C-alpha atoms as a PDB file:
ATOM      1  CA  MET A   1      69.537  92.078  -8.972  1.00  0.00           C
ATOM      2  CA  GLY A   2      67.484  89.155  -8.396  1.00  0.00           C
ATOM      3  CA  GLU A   3      63.138  88.413  -8.017  1.00  0.00           C
ATOM      4  CA  ILE A   4      61.086  86.371  -6.611  1.00  0.00           C
ATOM      5  CA  ILE A   5      58.335  86.040  -9.987  1.00  0.00           C
ATOM      6  CA  GLY A   6      55.529  83.982  -8.258  1.00  0.00           C
ATOM      7  CA  ALA A   7      54.586  81.136  -5.714  1.00  0.00           C
ATOM      8  CA  GLY A   8      52.297  78.335  -5.121  1.00  0.00           C
ATOM      9  CA  ILE A   9      51.357  75.636  -2.864  1.00  0.00           C
ATOM     10  CA  VAL A  10      50.732  72.440  -4.576  1.00  0.00           C
ATOM     11  CA  SER A  11      49.729  68.632  -3.670  1.00  0.00           C
ATOM     12  CA  HIS A  12      52.692  65.901  -4.498  1.00  0.00           C
ATOM     13  CA  VAL A  13      50.480  63.173  -4.045  1.00  0.00           C
ATOM     14  CA  PRO A  14      51.498  59.683  -5.531  1.00  0.00           C
ATOM     15  CA  THR A  15      47.445  59.444  -7.337  1.00  0.00           C
ATOM     16  CA  MET A  16      49.012  62.736  -9.204  1.00  0.00           C
ATOM     17  CA  VAL A  17      51.315  60.028 -10.994  1.00  0.00           C
ATOM     18  CA  LEU A  18      49.736  56.827 -11.347  1.00  0.00           C
ATOM     19  CA  PRO A  19      48.208  55.459 -14.683  1.00  0.00           C
ATOM     20  CA  ARG A  20      45.639  57.171 -15.906  1.00  0.00           C
ATOM     21  CA  GLU A  21      43.150  54.238 -15.907  1.00  0.00           C
ATOM     22  CA  GLU A  22      44.191  53.031 -11.856  1.00  0.00           C
ATOM     23  CA  ARG A  23      43.826  56.840 -11.066  1.00  0.00           C
ATOM     24  CA  TYR A  24      40.255  56.854 -12.782  1.00  0.00           C
ATOM     25  CA  ALA A  25      39.757  53.350 -11.246  1.00  0.00           C
ATOM     26  CA  LEU A  26      40.125  54.974  -7.730  1.00  0.00           C
ATOM     27  CA  ASN A  27      38.163  58.173  -8.179  1.00  0.00           C
ATOM     28  CA  ASP A  28      34.843  56.754  -9.645  1.00  0.00           C
ATOM     29  CA  GLY A  29      35.746  56.589 -12.795  1.00  0.00           C
ATOM     30  CA  LYS A  30      36.982  60.293 -13.550  1.00  0.00           C
ATOM     31  CA  GLU A  31      40.020  62.095 -13.326  1.00  0.00           C
ATOM     32  CA  ILE A  32      41.440  64.119 -10.030  1.00  0.00           C
ATOM     33  CA  SER A  33      41.905  67.522 -10.757  1.00  0.00           C
ATOM     34  CA  LEU A  34      45.235  67.701  -9.435  1.00  0.00           C
ATOM     35  CA  VAL A  35      46.945  66.408 -13.050  1.00  0.00           C
ATOM     36  CA  PRO A  36      45.893  68.913 -15.121  1.00  0.00           C
ATOM     37  CA  GLY A  37      45.459  71.254 -12.957  1.00  0.00           C
ATOM     38  CA  LEU A  38      49.807  70.736 -12.528  1.00  0.00           C
ATOM     39  CA  GLU A  39      49.588  70.486 -16.901  1.00  0.00           C
ATOM     40  CA  ARG A  40      47.847  74.384 -15.957  1.00  0.00           C
ATOM     41  CA  LEU A  41      51.099  75.139 -14.393  1.00  0.00           C
ATOM     42  CA  ARG A  42      53.024  74.324 -16.784  1.00  0.00           C
ATOM     43  CA  THR A  43      51.481  76.262 -19.797  1.00  0.00           C
ATOM     44  CA  GLU A  44      49.390  78.997 -17.944  1.00  0.00           C
ATOM     45  CA  VAL A  45      52.481  79.802 -15.816  1.00  0.00           C
ATOM     46  CA  PHE A  46      55.550  78.657 -15.753  1.00  0.00           C
ATOM     47  CA  ASP A  47      55.652  78.592 -19.552  1.00  0.00           C
ATOM     48  CA  ARG A  48      55.197  82.718 -18.791  1.00  0.00           C
ATOM     49  CA  LEU A  49      57.445  83.041 -16.612  1.00  0.00           C
ATOM     50  CA  LYS A  50      60.022  81.035 -17.557  1.00  0.00           C
ATOM     51  CA  PRO A  51      61.908  80.633 -14.147  1.00  0.00           C
ATOM     52  CA  ASP A  52      65.593  80.476 -13.743  1.00  0.00           C
ATOM     53  CA  THR A  53      65.350  78.223 -10.567  1.00  0.00           C
ATOM     54  CA  VAL A  54      62.578  76.451  -8.990  1.00  0.00           C
ATOM     55  CA  VAL A  55      62.876  76.073  -5.598  1.00  0.00           C
ATOM     56  CA  VAL A  56      60.639  73.548  -3.216  1.00  0.00           C
ATOM     57  CA  PHE A  57      59.457  73.182   0.298  1.00  0.00           C
ATOM     58  CA  ASP A  58      59.105  69.475   0.274  1.00  0.00           C
ATOM     59  CA  THR A  59      57.036  68.313   3.166  1.00  0.00           C
ATOM     60  CA  HIS A  60      58.621  64.566   2.572  1.00  0.00           C
ATOM     61  CA  TRP A  61      62.291  65.821   3.472  1.00  0.00           C
ATOM     62  CA  PHE A  62      62.508  66.376   7.511  1.00  0.00           C
ATOM     63  CA  SER A  63      65.940  67.441   8.706  1.00  0.00           C
ATOM     64  CA  LEU A  64      66.129  67.671  12.756  1.00  0.00           C
ATOM     65  CA  ILE A  65      67.630  70.289  13.826  1.00  0.00           C
ATOM     66  CA  TYR A  66      68.687  72.671  10.736  1.00  0.00           C
ATOM     67  CA  HIS A  67      66.862  73.998   7.635  1.00  0.00           C
ATOM     68  CA  ALA A  68      68.815  71.735   4.977  1.00  0.00           C
ATOM     69  CA  MET A  69      69.122  72.601   0.938  1.00  0.00           C
ATOM     70  CA  ASP A  70      70.112  70.476  -1.885  1.00  0.00           C
ATOM     71  CA  ALA A  71      73.282  72.467  -2.979  1.00  0.00           C
ATOM     72  CA  ARG A  72      74.189  69.726  -5.825  1.00  0.00           C
ATOM     73  CA  ALA A  73      74.509  71.228  -9.181  1.00  0.00           C
ATOM     74  CA  THR A  74      73.071  67.760 -10.509  1.00  0.00           C
ATOM     75  CA  ARG A  75      71.051  64.634  -9.437  1.00  0.00           C
ATOM     76  CA  LYS A  76      70.517  62.125 -11.072  1.00  0.00           C
ATOM     77  CA  GLY A  77      69.371  58.430 -10.690  1.00  0.00           C
ATOM     78  CA  PHE A  78      66.241  56.187  -9.932  1.00  0.00           C
ATOM     79  CA  TYR A  79      63.828  56.375  -7.172  1.00  0.00           C
ATOM     80  CA  THR A  80      61.415  54.050  -5.652  1.00  0.00           C
ATOM     81  CA  SER A  81      59.130  55.128  -3.247  1.00  0.00           C
ATOM     82  CA  ASP A  82      59.147  53.218   0.280  1.00  0.00           C
ATOM     83  CA  GLU A  83      56.389  54.556   1.680  1.00  0.00           C
ATOM     84  CA  ILE A  84      54.630  53.036  -1.688  1.00  0.00           C
ATOM     85  CA  PRO A  85      56.721  50.978  -3.384  1.00  0.00           C
ATOM     86  CA  THR A  86      54.095  49.306  -5.580  1.00  0.00           C
ATOM     87  CA  ASN A  87      53.231  52.889  -7.603  1.00  0.00           C
ATOM     88  CA  PRO A  88      54.765  51.972 -10.794  1.00  0.00           C
ATOM     89  CA  ASN A  89      55.356  55.473 -11.122  1.00  0.00           C
ATOM     90  CA  MET A  90      56.895  55.988  -8.137  1.00  0.00           C
ATOM     91  CA  MET A  91      59.235  52.394  -9.004  1.00  0.00           C
ATOM     92  CA  SER A  92      62.373  52.617 -10.084  1.00  0.00           C
ATOM     93  CA  LYS A  93      61.969  56.307 -11.447  1.00  0.00           C
ATOM     94  CA  PRO A  94      64.311  58.258 -13.411  1.00  0.00           C
ATOM     95  CA  TYR A  95      65.418  61.461 -12.359  1.00  0.00           C
ATOM     96  CA  ASP A  96      67.369  63.686 -14.017  1.00  0.00           C
ATOM     97  CA  PHE A  97      67.479  67.267 -12.811  1.00  0.00           C
ATOM     98  CA  GLY A  98      69.829  70.355 -12.290  1.00  0.00           C
ATOM     99  CA  GLY A  99      70.627  72.199  -8.719  1.00  0.00           C
ATOM    100  CA  ASP A 100      71.215  76.046  -7.974  1.00  0.00           C
ATOM    101  CA  THR A 101      74.772  75.492  -5.815  1.00  0.00           C
ATOM    102  CA  GLU A 102      75.408  79.267  -5.664  1.00  0.00           C
ATOM    103  CA  LEU A 103      72.156  79.844  -4.101  1.00  0.00           C
ATOM    104  CA  CYS A 104      72.165  77.408  -1.450  1.00  0.00           C
ATOM    105  CA  GLN A 105      75.390  78.466  -0.556  1.00  0.00           C
ATOM    106  CA  ALA A 106      74.243  82.762  -0.983  1.00  0.00           C
ATOM    107  CA  VAL A 107      71.458  81.369   2.420  1.00  0.00           C
ATOM    108  CA  ALA A 108      73.711  79.651   4.459  1.00  0.00           C
ATOM    109  CA  ALA A 109      76.126  82.452   3.977  1.00  0.00           C
ATOM    110  CA  LEU A 110      73.285  85.291   5.218  1.00  0.00           C
ATOM    111  CA  ALA A 111      72.422  82.610   7.953  1.00  0.00           C
ATOM    112  CA  ALA A 112      76.315  82.054   9.239  1.00  0.00           C
ATOM    113  CA  ASP A 113      76.286  84.309  11.598  1.00  0.00           C
ATOM    114  CA  ARG A 114      72.905  84.217  13.139  1.00  0.00           C
ATOM    115  CA  ASP A 115      71.850  83.277  16.157  1.00  0.00           C
ATOM    116  CA  ASP A 116      68.511  82.979  15.318  1.00  0.00           C
ATOM    117  CA  THR A 117      68.218  80.088  13.144  1.00  0.00           C
ATOM    118  CA  TRP A 118      70.616  77.460  11.575  1.00  0.00           C
ATOM    119  CA  VAL A 119      70.769  76.524   7.356  1.00  0.00           C
ATOM    120  CA  GLU A 120      72.995  73.434   6.240  1.00  0.00           C
ATOM    121  CA  ALA A 121      73.962  73.762   1.779  1.00  0.00           C
ATOM    122  CA  ILE A 122      74.715  70.542   1.296  1.00  0.00           C
ATOM    123  CA  GLU A 123      76.477  69.263  -1.571  1.00  0.00           C
ATOM    124  CA  ASN A 124      76.866  65.408  -0.825  1.00  0.00           C
ATOM    125  CA  GLU A 125      76.678  63.179  -4.156  1.00  0.00           C
ATOM    126  CA  HIS A 126      74.782  60.664  -1.924  1.00  0.00           C
ATOM    127  CA  LEU A 127      71.982  62.847  -0.324  1.00  0.00           C
ATOM    128  CA  PRO A 128      68.164  61.351  -0.850  1.00  0.00           C
ATOM    129  CA  VAL A 129      65.854  62.990  -2.918  1.00  0.00           C
ATOM    130  CA  HIS A 130      61.987  62.500  -2.260  1.00  0.00           C
ATOM    131  CA  TYR A 131      58.418  62.375  -3.939  1.00  0.00           C
ATOM    132  CA  GLY A 132      57.603  65.804  -2.513  1.00  0.00           C
ATOM    133  CA  THR A 133      59.609  67.108  -5.248  1.00  0.00           C
ATOM    134  CA  LEU A 134      60.161  64.217  -7.703  1.00  0.00           C
ATOM    135  CA  ASN A 135      56.406  63.708  -8.493  1.00  0.00           C
ATOM    136  CA  LEU A 136      56.026  67.274  -9.700  1.00  0.00           C
ATOM    137  CA  LEU A 137      59.248  66.886 -12.633  1.00  0.00           C
ATOM    138  CA  GLY A 138      57.209  65.018 -14.844  1.00  0.00           C
ATOM    139  CA  ALA A 139      54.889  68.151 -15.164  1.00  0.00           C
ATOM    140  CA  LEU A 140      56.508  71.133 -14.577  1.00  0.00           C
ATOM    141  CA  GLN A 141      60.366  70.565 -15.661  1.00  0.00           C
ATOM    142  CA  ASN A 142      61.889  72.030 -18.251  1.00  0.00           C
ATOM    143  CA  LYS A 143      65.370  73.545 -18.032  1.00  0.00           C
ATOM    144  CA  GLU A 144      64.972  75.344 -14.537  1.00  0.00           C
ATOM    145  CA  ALA A 145      67.385  74.452 -12.088  1.00  0.00           C
ATOM    146  CA  TRP A 146      65.599  72.978  -9.187  1.00  0.00           C
ATOM    147  CA  VAL A 147      66.576  73.758  -5.160  1.00  0.00           C
ATOM    148  CA  PRO A 148      64.634  71.046  -2.464  1.00  0.00           C
ATOM    149  CA  VAL A 149      64.588  72.298   0.777  1.00  0.00           C
ATOM    150  CA  SER A 150      63.995  70.450   3.957  1.00  0.00           C
ATOM    151  CA  ILE A 151      61.277  70.804   6.727  1.00  0.00           C
ATOM    152  CA  CYS A 152      63.248  71.098   9.489  1.00  0.00           C
ATOM    153  CA  ALA A 153      61.584  69.244  12.209  1.00  0.00           C
ATOM    154  CA  SER A 154      62.212  71.286  15.245  1.00  0.00           C
ATOM    155  CA  ALA A 155      61.098  74.696  13.994  1.00  0.00           C
ATOM    156  CA  ASP A 156      58.202  76.270  15.018  1.00  0.00           C
ATOM    157  CA  ALA A 157      56.219  79.167  12.833  1.00  0.00           C
ATOM    158  CA  ASP A 158      58.628  81.872  13.156  1.00  0.00           C
ATOM    159  CA  ASP A 159      61.501  80.027  12.175  1.00  0.00           C
ATOM    160  CA  PHE A 160      59.995  78.909   8.478  1.00  0.00           C
ATOM    161  CA  LEU A 161      59.087  82.444   8.180  1.00  0.00           C
ATOM    162  CA  LEU A 162      62.360  83.518   8.916  1.00  0.00           C
ATOM    163  CA  PHE A 163      63.834  81.287   6.514  1.00  0.00           C
ATOM    164  CA  GLY A 164      61.401  82.862   3.818  1.00  0.00           C
ATOM    165  CA  GLU A 165      62.528  85.882   4.177  1.00  0.00           C
ATOM    166  CA  ILE A 166      66.510  85.476   3.915  1.00  0.00           C
ATOM    167  CA  LEU A 167      65.920  83.261   0.559  1.00  0.00           C
ATOM    168  CA  ARG A 168      64.337  86.587  -0.594  1.00  0.00           C
ATOM    169  CA  GLU A 169      67.549  88.617   0.557  1.00  0.00           C
ATOM    170  CA  ALA A 170      69.651  85.646  -0.868  1.00  0.00           C
ATOM    171  CA  ILE A 171      67.765  85.780  -4.136  1.00  0.00           C
ATOM    172  CA  GLU A 172      67.881  89.757  -4.532  1.00  0.00           C
ATOM    173  CA  GLY A 173      71.584  89.730  -4.270  1.00  0.00           C
ATOM    174  CA  LEU A 174      71.753  87.522  -7.309  1.00  0.00           C
ATOM    175  CA  ASP A 175      70.530  87.410 -10.915  1.00  0.00           C
ATOM    176  CA  ARG A 176      68.084  85.160 -10.601  1.00  0.00           C
ATOM    177  CA  ARG A 177      64.206  84.882 -11.441  1.00  0.00           C
ATOM    178  CA  VAL A 178      62.829  82.240  -9.096  1.00  0.00           C
ATOM    179  CA  VAL A 179      59.549  80.434  -8.779  1.00  0.00           C
ATOM    180  CA  LEU A 180      59.018  78.943  -4.796  1.00  0.00           C
ATOM    181  CA  LEU A 181      56.301  76.382  -4.704  1.00  0.00           C
ATOM    182  CA  GLY A 182      55.610  74.599  -0.861  1.00  0.00           C
ATOM    183  CA  ALA A 183      54.858  71.247  -1.787  1.00  0.00           C
ATOM    184  CA  GLY A 184      52.517  69.683   0.763  1.00  0.00           C
ATOM    185  CA  SER A 185      49.058  69.098   2.387  1.00  0.00           C
ATOM    186  CA  LEU A 186      46.664  70.923   4.493  1.00  0.00           C
ATOM    187  CA  SER A 187      45.124  68.566   6.870  1.00  0.00           C
ATOM    188  CA  HIS A 188      46.976  65.215   6.828  1.00  0.00           C
ATOM    189  CA  LYS A 189      45.592  62.860   8.955  1.00  0.00           C
ATOM    190  CA  PHE A 190      44.724  59.321   6.934  1.00  0.00           C
ATOM    191  CA  TRP A 191      42.122  57.146   7.369  1.00  0.00           C
ATOM    192  CA  PRO A 192      43.059  54.012   9.186  1.00  0.00           C
ATOM    193  CA  LEU A 193      43.922  50.620   7.310  1.00  0.00           C
ATOM    194  CA  LYS A 194      40.763  49.334   7.818  1.00  0.00           C
ATOM    195  CA  GLU A 195      38.957  52.165   6.244  1.00  0.00           C
ATOM    196  CA  VAL A 196      41.242  53.736   3.940  1.00  0.00           C
ATOM    197  CA  ARG A 197      39.874  51.839   0.546  1.00  0.00           C
ATOM    198  CA  GLN A 198      36.837  53.195   1.227  1.00  0.00           C
ATOM    199  CA  HIS A 199      38.013  56.603   0.907  1.00  0.00           C
ATOM    200  CA  GLU A 200      40.346  56.116  -1.763  1.00  0.00           C
ATOM    201  CA  SER A 201      37.860  59.283  -4.205  1.00  0.00           C
ATOM    202  CA  SER A 202      38.862  62.291  -4.470  1.00  0.00           C
ATOM    203  CA  ASP A 203      35.806  63.534  -3.045  1.00  0.00           C
ATOM    204  CA  PRO A 204      36.240  66.209  -0.280  1.00  0.00           C
ATOM    205  CA  ALA A 205      33.493  64.205   1.722  1.00  0.00           C
ATOM    206  CA  ASN A 206      36.501  61.287   2.328  1.00  0.00           C
ATOM    207  CA  ILE A 207      38.518  64.522   4.141  1.00  0.00           C
ATOM    208  CA  THR A 208      38.738  62.538   7.722  1.00  0.00           C
ATOM    209  CA  THR A 209      36.526  64.907   9.569  1.00  0.00           C
ATOM    210  CA  PRO A 210      34.305  68.161   9.301  1.00  0.00           C
ATOM    211  CA  GLU A 211      36.786  70.124  11.622  1.00  0.00           C
ATOM    212  CA  ALA A 212      39.876  69.793   9.337  1.00  0.00           C
ATOM    213  CA  ARG A 213      37.728  69.899   5.490  1.00  0.00           C
ATOM    214  CA  ALA A 214      36.552  73.205   7.152  1.00  0.00           C
ATOM    215  CA  SER A 215      39.807  74.264   8.730  1.00  0.00           C
ATOM    216  CA  ASP A 216      41.393  73.582   5.053  1.00  0.00           C
ATOM    217  CA  GLU A 217      38.188  75.634   3.427  1.00  0.00           C
ATOM    218  CA  ARG A 218      38.885  78.442   5.554  1.00  0.00           C
ATOM    219  CA  ILE A 219      42.689  78.792   4.187  1.00  0.00           C
ATOM    220  CA  ILE A 220      41.763  78.259   0.810  1.00  0.00           C
ATOM    221  CA  GLU A 221      39.207  81.246   1.445  1.00  0.00           C
ATOM    222  CA  ASN A 222      41.590  83.545   3.023  1.00  0.00           C
ATOM    223  CA  TRP A 223      44.479  82.621   0.502  1.00  0.00           C
ATOM    224  CA  LYS A 224      41.755  83.772  -2.536  1.00  0.00           C
ATOM    225  CA  LYS A 225      41.549  87.137  -0.116  1.00  0.00           C
ATOM    226  CA  GLY A 226      45.035  87.579  -0.138  1.00  0.00           C
ATOM    227  CA  ASP A 227      44.858  87.478   4.109  1.00  0.00           C
ATOM    228  CA  HIS A 228      47.623  85.563   5.086  1.00  0.00           C
ATOM    229  CA  GLN A 229      47.563  87.657   8.163  1.00  0.00           C
ATOM    230  CA  GLN A 230      44.011  85.822   8.831  1.00  0.00           C
ATOM    231  CA  VAL A 231      45.936  82.171   8.012  1.00  0.00           C
ATOM    232  CA  LEU A 232      48.818  83.313  10.725  1.00  0.00           C
ATOM    233  CA  ASN A 233      45.832  84.141  13.410  1.00  0.00           C
ATOM    234  CA  ASP A 234      44.106  80.791  12.832  1.00  0.00           C
ATOM    235  CA  LEU A 235      47.484  78.628  13.314  1.00  0.00           C
ATOM    236  CA  PRO A 236      46.398  77.662  16.426  1.00  0.00           C
ATOM    237  CA  GLU A 237      43.387  75.620  15.351  1.00  0.00           C
ATOM    238  CA  ILE A 238      45.041  74.527  12.126  1.00  0.00           C
ATOM    239  CA  MET A 239      47.450  72.476  13.788  1.00  0.00           C
ATOM    240  CA  THR A 240      45.088  70.819  15.486  1.00  0.00           C
ATOM    241  CA  HIS A 241      44.565  68.955  12.098  1.00  0.00           C
ATOM    242  CA  ALA A 242      47.874  68.300  11.718  1.00  0.00           C
ATOM    243  CA  PRO A 243      48.816  69.727   8.597  1.00  0.00           C
ATOM    244  CA  GLU A 244      51.896  68.619   6.534  1.00  0.00           C
ATOM    245  CA  GLY A 245      54.981  69.374   7.507  1.00  0.00           C
ATOM    246  CA  LYS A 246      53.708  71.989  10.350  1.00  0.00           C
ATOM    247  CA  LEU A 247      52.717  73.619   6.942  1.00  0.00           C
ATOM    248  CA  GLY A 248      56.162  74.832   6.876  1.00  0.00           C
ATOM    249  CA  HIS A 249      56.114  74.735   2.975  1.00  0.00           C
ATOM    250  CA  TYR A 250      53.265  77.225   3.013  1.00  0.00           C
ATOM    251  CA  LEU A 251      55.104  79.644   5.818  1.00  0.00           C
ATOM    252  CA  MET A 252      58.411  79.422   3.744  1.00  0.00           C
ATOM    253  CA  THR A 253      56.648  80.434   0.967  1.00  0.00           C
ATOM    254  CA  LEU A 254      55.286  82.801   2.733  1.00  0.00           C
ATOM    255  CA  GLY A 255      58.299  84.619   4.601  1.00  0.00           C
ATOM    256  CA  ALA A 256      59.773  85.286   1.562  1.00  0.00           C
ATOM    257  CA  ILE A 257      57.129  87.240   0.146  1.00  0.00           C
ATOM    258  CA  GLY A 258      56.501  89.149   2.896  1.00  0.00           C
ATOM    259  CA  GLY A 259      54.966  87.466   5.440  1.00  0.00           C
ATOM    260  CA  ALA A 260      51.772  88.785   7.187  1.00  0.00           C
ATOM    261  CA  GLY A 261      51.859  91.637   5.185  1.00  0.00           C
ATOM    262  CA  CYS A 262      51.799  89.978   2.104  1.00  0.00           C
ATOM    263  CA  THR A 263      48.485  90.513   0.360  1.00  0.00           C
ATOM    264  CA  ALA A 264      48.769  88.096  -3.044  1.00  0.00           C
ATOM    265  CA  THR A 265      45.512  86.911  -3.976  1.00  0.00           C
ATOM    266  CA  GLY A 266      45.540  82.833  -4.670  1.00  0.00           C
ATOM    267  CA  GLU A 267      43.926  81.296  -7.855  1.00  0.00           C
ATOM    268  CA  MET A 268      43.161  77.865  -7.505  1.00  0.00           C
ATOM    269  CA  PHE A 269      45.147  75.461 -10.001  1.00  0.00           C
ATOM    270  CA  SER A 270      42.649  72.493  -8.925  1.00  0.00           C
ATOM    271  CA  ASP A 271      40.261  71.298  -6.534  1.00  0.00           C
ATOM    272  CA  TYR A 272      39.882  70.873  -3.148  1.00  0.00           C
ATOM    273  CA  GLU A 273      40.464  67.226  -2.837  1.00  0.00           C
ATOM    274  CA  SER A 274      41.153  64.449  -0.877  1.00  0.00           C
ATOM    275  CA  SER A 275      43.518  61.736  -0.913  1.00  0.00           C
ATOM    276  CA  ALA A 276      43.712  59.418   1.519  1.00  0.00           C
ATOM    277  CA  GLY A 277      41.980  61.155   4.176  1.00  0.00           C
ATOM    278  CA  THR A 278      44.180  64.330   4.024  1.00  0.00           C
ATOM    279  CA  GLY A 279      43.716  68.102   2.171  1.00  0.00           C
ATOM    280  CA  GLN A 280      44.954  68.421  -1.240  1.00  0.00           C
ATOM    281  CA  ILE A 281      45.061  71.729  -3.562  1.00  0.00           C
ATOM    282  CA  HIS A 282      47.304  73.512  -6.064  1.00  0.00           C
ATOM    283  CA  MET A 283      47.021  77.335  -5.236  1.00  0.00           C
ATOM    284  CA  TRP A 284      49.005  79.888  -7.608  1.00  0.00           C
ATOM    285  CA  PHE A 285      49.735  83.569  -6.262  1.00  0.00           C
ATOM    286  CA  GLU A 286      51.019  85.666  -8.884  1.00  0.00           C
ATOM    287  CA  ARG A 287      52.617  88.500  -7.519  1.00  0.00           C
ATOM    288  CA  PRO A 288      51.055  92.066  -7.373  1.00  0.00           C
ATOM    289  CA  ALA A 289      51.945  94.440  -9.996  1.00  0.00           C
ATOM    290  CA  SER A 290      52.868  96.557  -6.951  1.00  0.00           C
ATOM    291  CA  GLY A 291      55.365  93.773  -5.539  1.00  0.00           C
ATOM    292  CA  TRP A 292      55.229  91.325  -2.729  1.00  0.00           C
END
């Protein structure tokens, strides 16, 4: 029987993969905490848990009318970001990582006969990869299979939660030890072009509005307490601050680890930081001794 052995919400921002000297120059001469935070996730979590598969809910992969899963057994090539093509570590960047076709097909099969959701397992060899996944690999990749999952643009909160439930059912039907990573930000409003260079440091004072910062900080405090029900209750207000991917990366994760009834407490693996005005954090949810 398979199991979800841990889950996290992680940042994937391009500044994490800038050369060290460029990160320091943008951040008042000091490191952004997201970089050592990922290193800690590797040494303190991944090396300990040794997952077979990592499922990444990637907020830079948008599908339109269904949940899409990258079901290829392997992906190998070079990536250049069309958003930030000058970042030297997102320019002609080689990648090579395996996948989990069986898991993706199992999820799609469970959804196939339902009329309340739609999941596709995509094996097309030319399917693009996205930096919401790729920016994590340098710090976290070992021998695990990695499965990127899209954010469905037409999905609502209950759709994301349901996908997580189906994913969990599929995992439990296979012999897998799986880690889930929701890769994306909290509030996701950028500073205007004329102002953004004055707000590039990670200081949360650079979040675009005080209201967005306060909303992010409420989410983080509720995560730390394991009060996921309250986060769901707050969704109408949270959505006014444009969370990345409609917060789908968190909602799919939550659906898989118990939904509103989940009481897993979060541990911060980075500070709460700004990236061009958006709210970033690495938060890890250890599986409770009593289970999800």
